Structure formats: structure tokens, C-alpha cells
Amino acid sequence: TVLAGTTAAARPELAGVVLEDAMQAFNFQGVTGTVQNRVVREASGTLDFYWKVNVDSSATGTGISAFRLTDFGLSNIADADWRVDGLGTVAASTARLFNGASYPTGTINFLFGDGIRAGQSSTFFFLHTDATAYAKTAQFDLLDVGPQNLSPAYSTFAPAVPEPSSYAMMFAGLAVAGLAMRRRQGQ
């Protein structure tokens, strides 16, 4: 999918409160920098997940051509795009689902055209979701320009699925509340 880019004015639902903002350093094949991982809660209560790749000005490698996200969970994604009205100089021009049948938990590649070179940074690119909870359960890696070497994998935020124990505790709490109401009615 080609990403056209968007603004807060065009998509007011993207505005919200930043819940977490974490920086992850990377270093491979002479390319050094950071990836900013951000989670934003919209006014509706749903979450958007943002990333921004920053390549150090002292990097000696060829740059970054792609950001690959794994184990994100395809079922929560509403759409993908990048922010025209944000910081950064290089847009994520394309988002591709990478072999969805083999990776049903979600593997998505964001491509950066000619790449993010030394001293450059991407704009914020994002996945707009219907998720309401998150955890640091996904992974990302980076692909360099030219030789196509992959970086190590790093942890990032993704939609969280309540664990069965959470459901069990919720149902147990409802049962206790029901029993208490029943006893009050019997008195």
C-alpha cells in the first residue's frame, strides 16, 4: 500500500495523549541511531502506535531502507500512514503486509524510498488500531540500504490481548458481586 501521508487537521481522531515514548538505540553494519517507539490513546479510547527512525550524523553505513514489524497482531489494525505535519525528513512511502498467510500475528514492512541516510530521520509513521490495551510484545528490525543486511530484533509496543487469568479474575469478581447482591436481597 502506498502511503500518502496525513495531518492532524485531516485526521483529528489521531490526536490524543502520549502514553509511552521510548527510545531504542541500534548499531549494525556501520549504521547507528535510535528508533522512537510511541503509544497514543485517542479521545475514543483506542490506541495508535508510532515509530520514528533517526540515523546518527556520524553513521558510516549506507542508511536504513526498511523497518520491519513482527508479532504486532493484524486483527487490530485499521490503517497505516505517516505524519506530514510532524518532525523528520524521510517519509515511509509504502507499507507492505509481509506474507500474511504465514505470519497471521502480523509482519509489516515500512519502506523508505531511497533510504534514511546519515544525519536524517524518518517522519513519524504509524498503525491506527482499534486496540485499547498495549504491551511491549512486538519486535522490529531494520534493513540497510543496498546490501540488505538485517539488524538484530528489538522489542516494541503492540496491542495487548488480556491473558486468560485476567478473564478468570474478572468472572470471579462478578460472581462474588452477584453473591453479595443475592444475600442482600434475601435479608
Foldseek 3Di string as FASTA:
>chain_A
DFAPADACVRPVQPDFAWPDWDWDWFDDQQWTWIKIWIWGQGPVLFIKIKIKTFTALRRPGQAFFKKKKALQAPVFFPDKHFHPPFDFDWEQGDKDFDPCVVRVSTIIMGGGVQHAGHGGMYGMIITGGRANAKDQDMWMWTFGPDVRDITDIDTHMHRDDDDVVVVVVVVVVVVVVVVVVVVVVVD
